[in-house]
């Protein structure tokens, strides 16, 4: 738990985003995981212009005298056992801004492959190729 407070594990978020939409996603994630008994979670920043994932220089804000980069979006990937065996994943991607209630979570759902394409990160690389492909290219049912 202490590691979650390391500076290397922090990224600037819009205060309303953090207190509202992201908080709701985190609370619902905990409930989703509790129903399944176990899960893996990966969360991180995205620097994206909202249009082209291949854009090498998306614009983003910086803060402070050291010009800390402010992510344009954040992702959260949840992987949990599925009934009958194997695993399933659901990923959420949200722009780092305030949102109005009621939140439209369905519009934030992406595949893990989508997150990979927009971050350059390969998730779960040690899985068998067929198992990995199924996991990253499909999305679990919302909060079932």
N, C-alpha and C. Protein backbone atom coordinates (compact mmCIF):
# COMPACT_ATOMS: atom_id res chain seq x y z
N UNK A 1 0.82 -1.19 0.00
CA UNK A 1 0.00 0.00 0.00
C UNK A 1 0.87 1.26 0.00
N UNK A 2 1.99 1.23 0.72
CA UNK A 2 2.85 2.41 0.76
C UNK A 2 3.34 2.82 -0.62
N UNK A 3 3.56 1.81 -1.49
CA UNK A 3 4.08 2.10 -2.83
C UNK A 3 3.14 2.96 -3.65
N UNK A 4 1.86 2.96 -3.32
CA UNK A 4 0.91 3.77 -4.10
C UNK A 4 1.14 5.26 -3.88
N UNK A 5 1.87 5.61 -2.83
CA UNK A 5 2.13 7.02 -2.55
C UNK A 5 3.50 7.49 -3.02
N UNK A 6 4.24 6.65 -3.73
CA UNK A 6 5.52 7.07 -4.29
C UNK A 6 5.27 8.05 -5.44
N UNK A 7 6.15 9.01 -5.58
CA UNK A 7 6.02 9.96 -6.68
C UNK A 7 6.03 9.28 -8.04
N UNK A 8 6.75 8.17 -8.16
CA UNK A 8 6.80 7.46 -9.44
C UNK A 8 5.46 6.81 -9.79
N UNK A 9 4.55 6.79 -8.84
CA UNK A 9 3.23 6.19 -9.06
C UNK A 9 2.14 7.26 -9.15
N UNK A 10 2.52 8.51 -9.34
CA UNK A 10 1.55 9.60 -9.36
C UNK A 10 1.56 10.31 -10.71
N UNK A 11 0.41 10.86 -11.06
CA UNK A 11 0.28 11.67 -12.27
C UNK A 11 -0.77 12.74 -12.00
N UNK A 12 -0.55 13.94 -12.50
CA UNK A 12 -1.51 15.02 -12.24
C UNK A 12 -2.86 14.75 -12.91
N UNK A 13 -3.92 14.94 -12.13
CA UNK A 13 -5.27 14.77 -12.65
C UNK A 13 -6.07 16.04 -12.41
N UNK A 14 -6.99 16.31 -13.31
CA UNK A 14 -7.95 17.38 -13.10
C UNK A 14 -8.68 17.06 -11.79
N UNK A 15 -8.79 18.01 -10.87
CA UNK A 15 -9.39 17.71 -9.57
C UNK A 15 -10.82 17.16 -9.67
N UNK A 16 -11.64 17.72 -10.54
CA UNK A 16 -13.02 17.23 -10.68
C UNK A 16 -13.04 15.82 -11.27
N UNK A 17 -12.16 15.56 -12.21
CA UNK A 17 -12.04 14.22 -12.79
C UNK A 17 -11.71 13.21 -11.69
N UNK A 18 -10.73 13.53 -10.87
CA UNK A 18 -10.27 12.64 -9.82
C UNK A 18 -11.35 12.41 -8.76
N UNK A 19 -12.06 13.45 -8.38
CA UNK A 19 -13.05 13.34 -7.31
C UNK A 19 -14.38 12.76 -7.77
N UNK A 20 -14.63 12.74 -9.06
CA UNK A 20 -15.94 12.31 -9.52
C UNK A 20 -15.85 11.06 -10.41
N UNK A 21 -15.63 11.23 -11.70
CA UNK A 21 -15.65 10.10 -12.62
C UNK A 21 -14.64 9.03 -12.23
N UNK A 22 -13.38 9.42 -12.02
CA UNK A 22 -12.33 8.43 -11.72
C UNK A 22 -12.61 7.74 -10.40
N UNK A 23 -13.09 8.48 -9.43
CA UNK A 23 -13.46 7.89 -8.13
C UNK A 23 -14.56 6.85 -8.31
N UNK A 24 -15.56 7.17 -9.12
CA UNK A 24 -16.64 6.22 -9.38
C UNK A 24 -16.11 4.95 -10.05
N UNK A 25 -15.23 5.12 -11.03
CA UNK A 25 -14.64 3.95 -11.69
C UNK A 25 -13.88 3.10 -10.68
N UNK A 26 -13.11 3.74 -9.80
CA UNK A 26 -12.35 2.99 -8.80
C UNK A 26 -13.27 2.25 -7.83
N UNK A 27 -14.35 2.91 -7.38
CA UNK A 27 -15.28 2.26 -6.46
C UNK A 27 -15.99 1.08 -7.13
N UNK A 28 -16.43 1.26 -8.37
CA UNK A 28 -17.10 0.18 -9.09
C UNK A 28 -16.11 -0.95 -9.39
N UNK A 29 -14.86 -0.59 -9.62
CA UNK A 29 -13.84 -1.62 -9.87
C UNK A 29 -13.66 -2.50 -8.65
N UNK A 30 -13.61 -1.89 -7.48
CA UNK A 30 -13.46 -2.68 -6.25
C UNK A 30 -14.64 -3.64 -6.06
N UNK A 31 -15.83 -3.17 -6.36
CA UNK A 31 -17.02 -4.02 -6.23
C UNK A 31 -16.97 -5.16 -7.26
N UNK A 32 -16.55 -4.85 -8.47
CA UNK A 32 -16.45 -5.85 -9.54
C UNK A 32 -15.46 -6.93 -9.13
N UNK A 33 -14.34 -6.50 -8.59
CA UNK A 33 -13.29 -7.44 -8.16
C UNK A 33 -13.79 -8.27 -6.97
N UNK A 34 -14.49 -7.66 -6.04
CA UNK A 34 -14.99 -8.39 -4.88
C UNK A 34 -15.92 -9.52 -5.30
N UNK A 35 -16.73 -9.29 -6.33
CA UNK A 35 -17.64 -10.34 -6.82
C UNK A 35 -16.86 -11.51 -7.42
N UNK A 36 -15.70 -11.22 -7.99
CA UNK A 36 -14.91 -12.25 -8.65
C UNK A 36 -13.88 -12.90 -7.71
N UNK A 37 -13.57 -12.26 -6.63
CA UNK A 37 -12.64 -12.83 -5.67
C UNK A 37 -11.19 -12.45 -5.88
N UNK A 38 -10.80 -12.18 -7.12
CA UNK A 38 -9.43 -11.77 -7.41
C UNK A 38 -9.42 -11.04 -8.75
N UNK A 39 -8.40 -10.25 -8.96
CA UNK A 39 -8.26 -9.54 -10.24
C UNK A 39 -6.89 -8.89 -10.29
N UNK A 40 -6.53 -8.49 -11.49
CA UNK A 40 -5.33 -7.69 -11.72
C UNK A 40 -5.81 -6.35 -12.25
N UNK A 41 -5.13 -5.29 -11.82
CA UNK A 41 -5.50 -3.96 -12.28
C UNK A 41 -4.24 -3.23 -12.73
N UNK A 42 -4.36 -2.57 -13.87
CA UNK A 42 -3.27 -1.75 -14.39
C UNK A 42 -3.86 -0.39 -14.71
N UNK A 43 -3.26 0.66 -14.19
CA UNK A 43 -3.75 2.02 -14.41
C UNK A 43 -2.58 2.88 -14.87
N UNK A 44 -2.85 3.81 -15.77
CA UNK A 44 -1.77 4.67 -16.22
C UNK A 44 -2.25 5.84 -17.05
N UNK A 45 -1.29 6.68 -17.44
CA UNK A 45 -1.59 7.88 -18.22
C UNK A 45 -1.48 7.61 -19.72
N UNK A 46 -2.16 8.45 -20.47
CA UNK A 46 -2.03 8.46 -21.92
C UNK A 46 -1.81 9.91 -22.35
N UNK A 47 -0.89 10.10 -23.26
CA UNK A 47 -0.67 11.40 -23.88
C UNK A 47 -1.12 11.26 -25.33
N UNK A 48 -2.32 11.77 -25.62
CA UNK A 48 -2.95 11.51 -26.91
C UNK A 48 -3.75 12.73 -27.35
N UNK A 49 -3.72 12.99 -28.64
CA UNK A 49 -4.44 14.16 -29.14
C UNK A 49 -5.93 13.90 -29.36
N UNK A 50 -6.39 12.70 -29.06
CA UNK A 50 -7.79 12.37 -29.22
C UNK A 50 -8.18 11.97 -30.63
N UNK A 51 -7.20 11.94 -31.53
CA UNK A 51 -7.50 11.61 -32.92
C UNK A 51 -6.60 10.51 -33.44
N UNK A 52 -5.31 10.76 -33.50
CA UNK A 52 -4.39 9.85 -34.16
C UNK A 52 -3.39 9.27 -33.16
N UNK A 53 -3.49 7.95 -32.86
CA UNK A 53 -2.55 7.38 -31.89
C UNK A 53 -1.10 7.38 -32.37
N UNK A 54 -0.90 7.57 -33.67
CA UNK A 54 0.47 7.57 -34.20
C UNK A 54 1.11 8.96 -34.14
N UNK A 55 0.36 9.96 -33.69
CA UNK A 55 0.89 11.32 -33.61
C UNK A 55 2.06 11.34 -32.62
N UNK A 56 3.27 11.63 -33.11
CA UNK A 56 4.43 11.56 -32.21
C UNK A 56 4.50 12.71 -31.21
N UNK A 57 3.73 13.76 -31.43
CA UNK A 57 3.82 14.91 -30.52
C UNK A 57 2.44 15.46 -30.19
N UNK A 58 1.65 14.71 -29.41
CA UNK A 58 0.37 15.28 -29.02
C UNK A 58 0.61 16.45 -28.07
N UNK A 59 -0.25 17.43 -28.09
CA UNK A 59 -0.08 18.57 -27.19
C UNK A 59 -0.65 18.21 -25.82
N UNK A 60 0.01 18.67 -24.78
CA UNK A 60 -0.45 18.44 -23.41
C UNK A 60 0.08 19.58 -22.56
N UNK A 61 -0.58 19.80 -21.44
CA UNK A 61 -0.18 20.85 -20.50
C UNK A 61 0.95 20.36 -19.61
N UNK A 62 1.65 21.31 -19.02
CA UNK A 62 2.64 21.00 -18.00
C UNK A 62 2.35 21.89 -16.79
N UNK A 63 2.82 21.44 -15.63
CA UNK A 63 2.63 22.23 -14.42
C UNK A 63 3.94 22.32 -13.65
N UNK A 64 4.07 23.39 -12.86
CA UNK A 64 5.20 23.56 -11.98
C UNK A 64 6.47 24.00 -12.67
N UNK A 65 7.45 24.36 -11.86
CA UNK A 65 8.71 24.87 -12.40
C UNK A 65 9.49 23.80 -13.16
N UNK A 66 9.22 22.52 -12.86
CA UNK A 66 9.90 21.43 -13.57
C UNK A 66 9.11 20.93 -14.77
N UNK A 67 8.04 21.61 -15.09
CA UNK A 67 7.21 21.29 -16.26
C UNK A 67 6.79 19.82 -16.28
N UNK A 68 6.12 19.40 -15.21
CA UNK A 68 5.60 18.04 -15.13
C UNK A 68 4.48 17.89 -16.15
N UNK A 69 4.55 16.87 -16.97
CA UNK A 69 3.55 16.65 -18.02
C UNK A 69 2.23 16.20 -17.40
N UNK A 70 1.14 16.79 -17.88
CA UNK A 70 -0.21 16.43 -17.43
C UNK A 70 -0.83 15.52 -18.49
N UNK A 71 -1.11 14.27 -18.14
CA UNK A 71 -1.70 13.36 -19.13
C UNK A 71 -3.01 13.89 -19.69
N UNK A 72 -3.25 13.60 -20.95
CA UNK A 72 -4.51 14.01 -21.58
C UNK A 72 -5.62 13.03 -21.23
N UNK A 73 -5.27 11.77 -20.96
CA UNK A 73 -6.23 10.71 -20.66
C UNK A 73 -5.63 9.77 -19.62
N UNK A 74 -6.49 8.96 -19.01
CA UNK A 74 -6.06 7.89 -18.12
C UNK A 74 -6.77 6.60 -18.52
N UNK A 75 -6.10 5.48 -18.28
CA UNK A 75 -6.72 4.19 -18.53
C UNK A 75 -6.70 3.35 -17.26
N UNK A 76 -7.66 2.46 -17.17
CA UNK A 76 -7.69 1.46 -16.11
C UNK A 76 -8.09 0.15 -16.77
N UNK A 77 -7.25 -0.87 -16.60
CA UNK A 77 -7.50 -2.20 -17.14
C UNK A 77 -7.74 -3.14 -15.96
N UNK A 78 -8.83 -3.89 -16.02
CA UNK A 78 -9.13 -4.89 -15.01
C UNK A 78 -9.17 -6.26 -15.68
N UNK A 79 -8.47 -7.22 -15.10
CA UNK A 79 -8.46 -8.59 -15.61
C UNK A 79 -8.88 -9.48 -14.44
N UNK A 80 -9.88 -10.33 -14.69
CA UNK A 80 -10.39 -11.21 -13.64
C UNK A 80 -10.74 -12.57 -14.22
N UNK A 81 -10.77 -13.58 -13.35
CA UNK A 81 -11.18 -14.91 -13.82
C UNK A 81 -12.62 -14.84 -14.34
N UNK A 82 -12.90 -15.57 -15.40
CA UNK A 82 -14.28 -15.62 -15.88
C UNK A 82 -14.89 -16.96 -15.50
N UNK A 83 -16.17 -16.97 -15.34
CA UNK A 83 -16.83 -18.23 -15.01
C UNK A 83 -16.51 -19.30 -16.06
N UNK A 84 -16.16 -20.47 -15.63
CA UNK A 84 -15.84 -21.53 -16.56
C UNK A 84 -14.37 -21.62 -16.92
N UNK A 85 -13.56 -20.71 -16.40
CA UNK A 85 -12.12 -20.77 -16.65
C UNK A 85 -11.62 -19.67 -17.55
N UNK A 86 -10.34 -19.44 -17.50
CA UNK A 86 -9.72 -18.38 -18.27
C UNK A 86 -9.91 -17.02 -17.61
N UNK A 87 -9.58 -15.99 -18.34
CA UNK A 87 -9.67 -14.62 -17.83
C UNK A 87 -10.38 -13.74 -18.83
N UNK A 88 -10.91 -12.63 -18.32
CA UNK A 88 -11.50 -11.61 -19.17
C UNK A 88 -11.03 -10.25 -18.69
N UNK A 89 -11.06 -9.29 -19.60
CA UNK A 89 -10.56 -7.95 -19.28
C UNK A 89 -11.57 -6.89 -19.72
N UNK A 90 -11.54 -5.79 -19.01
CA UNK A 90 -12.28 -4.61 -19.41
C UNK A 90 -11.35 -3.42 -19.18
N UNK A 91 -11.35 -2.49 -20.10
CA UNK A 91 -10.49 -1.31 -19.98
C UNK A 91 -11.36 -0.06 -20.11
N UNK A 92 -11.03 0.93 -19.33
CA UNK A 92 -11.70 2.22 -19.40
C UNK A 92 -10.66 3.27 -19.76
N UNK A 93 -11.03 4.17 -20.65
CA UNK A 93 -10.17 5.28 -21.02
C UNK A 93 -11.00 6.55 -20.91
N UNK A 94 -10.48 7.51 -20.14
CA UNK A 94 -11.22 8.76 -19.93
C UNK A 94 -10.29 9.94 -20.09
N UNK A 95 -10.80 10.96 -20.73
CA UNK A 95 -10.06 12.21 -20.86
C UNK A 95 -9.91 12.83 -19.48
N UNK A 96 -8.78 13.45 -19.23
CA UNK A 96 -8.45 14.06 -17.94
C UNK A 96 -9.14 15.43 -17.84
N UNK A 97 -10.46 15.38 -17.59
CA UNK A 97 -11.28 16.59 -17.51
C UNK A 97 -12.49 16.31 -16.63
N UNK A 98 -13.22 17.35 -16.29
CA UNK A 98 -14.46 17.18 -15.52
C UNK A 98 -15.53 16.56 -16.42
N UNK A 99 -16.37 15.72 -15.83
CA UNK A 99 -17.50 15.09 -16.52
C UNK A 99 -18.77 15.42 -15.77
N UNK A 100 -19.88 15.45 -16.49
CA UNK A 100 -21.19 15.68 -15.86
C UNK A 100 -21.86 14.34 -15.57
N UNK A 101 -22.58 14.30 -14.46
CA UNK A 101 -23.38 13.12 -14.11
C UNK A 101 -24.66 13.14 -14.91
N UNK A 102 -25.26 12.03 -15.21
CA UNK A 102 -24.79 10.69 -14.93
C UNK A 102 -23.66 10.30 -15.88
N UNK A 103 -22.68 9.59 -15.37
CA UNK A 103 -21.53 9.20 -16.17
C UNK A 103 -21.93 8.11 -17.16
N UNK A 104 -21.41 8.20 -18.34
CA UNK A 104 -21.69 7.24 -19.41
C UNK A 104 -20.52 6.26 -19.52
N UNK A 105 -20.44 5.34 -18.58
CA UNK A 105 -19.31 4.41 -18.51
C UNK A 105 -19.16 3.59 -19.79
N UNK A 106 -20.27 3.23 -20.41
CA UNK A 106 -20.22 2.41 -21.62
C UNK A 106 -19.39 3.10 -22.70
N UNK A 107 -19.42 4.43 -22.75
CA UNK A 107 -18.66 5.17 -23.77
C UNK A 107 -17.16 5.19 -23.48
N UNK A 108 -16.77 4.80 -22.29
CA UNK A 108 -15.36 4.82 -21.90
C UNK A 108 -14.68 3.46 -22.09
N UNK A 109 -15.44 2.45 -22.42
CA UNK A 109 -14.89 1.09 -22.52
C UNK A 109 -14.09 0.93 -23.80
N UNK A 110 -12.91 0.35 -23.64
CA UNK A 110 -12.03 0.03 -24.76
C UNK A 110 -11.47 -1.37 -24.53
N UNK A 111 -10.87 -1.92 -25.54
CA UNK A 111 -10.16 -3.19 -25.38
C UNK A 111 -8.75 -2.89 -24.88
N UNK A 112 -8.11 -3.90 -24.33
CA UNK A 112 -6.71 -3.76 -23.93
C UNK A 112 -5.86 -3.45 -25.15
N UNK A 113 -6.20 -4.05 -26.30
CA UNK A 113 -5.46 -3.78 -27.55
C UNK A 113 -5.52 -2.29 -27.90
N UNK A 114 -6.65 -1.65 -27.67
CA UNK A 114 -6.79 -0.21 -27.94
C UNK A 114 -5.82 0.56 -27.05
N UNK A 115 -5.78 0.20 -25.77
CA UNK A 115 -4.88 0.89 -24.84
C UNK A 115 -3.43 0.67 -25.27
N UNK A 116 -3.10 -0.55 -25.69
CA UNK A 116 -1.74 -0.82 -26.17
C UNK A 116 -1.39 0.08 -27.35
N UNK A 117 -2.30 0.22 -28.30
CA UNK A 117 -2.05 1.03 -29.49
C UNK A 117 -1.84 2.50 -29.16
N UNK A 118 -2.45 2.96 -28.07
CA UNK A 118 -2.36 4.37 -27.71
C UNK A 118 -1.31 4.68 -26.66
N UNK A 119 -0.69 3.66 -26.10
CA UNK A 119 0.36 3.89 -25.10
C UNK A 119 1.72 3.35 -25.53
N UNK A 120 1.73 2.39 -26.45
CA UNK A 120 2.98 1.74 -26.82
C UNK A 120 3.40 0.67 -25.83
N UNK A 121 2.53 0.34 -24.87
CA UNK A 121 2.83 -0.66 -23.86
C UNK A 121 2.18 -1.98 -24.27
N UNK A 122 2.92 -3.08 -24.13
CA UNK A 122 2.37 -4.41 -24.38
C UNK A 122 2.01 -5.01 -23.03
N UNK A 123 0.73 -5.25 -22.81
CA UNK A 123 0.26 -5.81 -21.55
C UNK A 123 0.22 -7.34 -21.64
N UNK A 124 0.55 -7.99 -20.55
CA UNK A 124 0.47 -9.44 -20.40
C UNK A 124 1.28 -10.19 -21.47
N UNK A 125 2.53 -9.80 -21.67
CA UNK A 125 3.34 -10.39 -22.75
C UNK A 125 3.72 -11.85 -22.53
N UNK A 126 3.62 -12.34 -21.29
CA UNK A 126 4.04 -13.72 -21.05
C UNK A 126 2.91 -14.74 -21.24
N UNK A 127 1.72 -14.28 -21.54
CA UNK A 127 0.63 -15.22 -21.82
C UNK A 127 0.89 -15.93 -23.13
N UNK A 128 0.33 -17.12 -23.26
CA UNK A 128 0.39 -17.85 -24.54
C UNK A 128 -0.27 -16.97 -25.61
N UNK A 129 0.26 -16.97 -26.82
CA UNK A 129 -0.26 -16.07 -27.87
C UNK A 129 -1.77 -16.12 -28.07
N UNK A 130 -2.37 -17.29 -28.12
CA UNK A 130 -3.82 -17.38 -28.31
C UNK A 130 -4.58 -16.81 -27.12
N UNK A 131 -4.09 -17.12 -25.92
CA UNK A 131 -4.73 -16.63 -24.70
C UNK A 131 -4.62 -15.10 -24.62
N UNK A 132 -3.44 -14.58 -24.94
CA UNK A 132 -3.23 -13.13 -24.91
C UNK A 132 -4.12 -12.42 -25.93
N UNK A 133 -4.18 -12.96 -27.13
CA UNK A 133 -5.00 -12.35 -28.19
C UNK A 133 -6.46 -12.27 -27.76
N UNK A 134 -6.99 -13.35 -27.20
CA UNK A 134 -8.38 -13.35 -26.74
C UNK A 134 -8.59 -12.33 -25.62
N UNK A 135 -7.62 -12.22 -24.72
CA UNK A 135 -7.75 -11.31 -23.59
C UNK A 135 -7.70 -9.86 -24.03
N UNK A 136 -6.77 -9.50 -24.89
CA UNK A 136 -6.59 -8.09 -25.24
C UNK A 136 -7.55 -7.58 -26.30
N UNK A 137 -8.16 -8.50 -27.07
CA UNK A 137 -9.02 -8.05 -28.16
C UNK A 137 -10.51 -8.07 -27.84
N UNK A 138 -10.89 -8.58 -26.67
CA UNK A 138 -12.30 -8.59 -26.29
C UNK A 138 -12.47 -7.82 -24.99
N UNK A 139 -13.72 -7.44 -24.70
CA UNK A 139 -13.97 -6.73 -23.44
C UNK A 139 -15.02 -7.47 -22.64
N UNK A 140 -14.82 -7.50 -21.34
CA UNK A 140 -15.76 -8.15 -20.42
C UNK A 140 -17.06 -7.34 -20.39
N UNK A 141 -18.11 -7.98 -19.95
CA UNK A 141 -19.38 -7.27 -19.77
C UNK A 141 -19.22 -6.24 -18.68
N UNK A 142 -19.87 -5.12 -18.86
CA UNK A 142 -19.75 -4.03 -17.91
C UNK A 142 -20.31 -4.41 -16.54
N UNK A 143 -19.43 -4.51 -15.56
CA UNK A 143 -19.75 -4.68 -14.15
C UNK A 143 -20.57 -5.92 -13.85
N UNK A 144 -20.50 -6.96 -14.66
CA UNK A 144 -21.22 -8.20 -14.32
C UNK A 144 -20.43 -9.00 -13.31
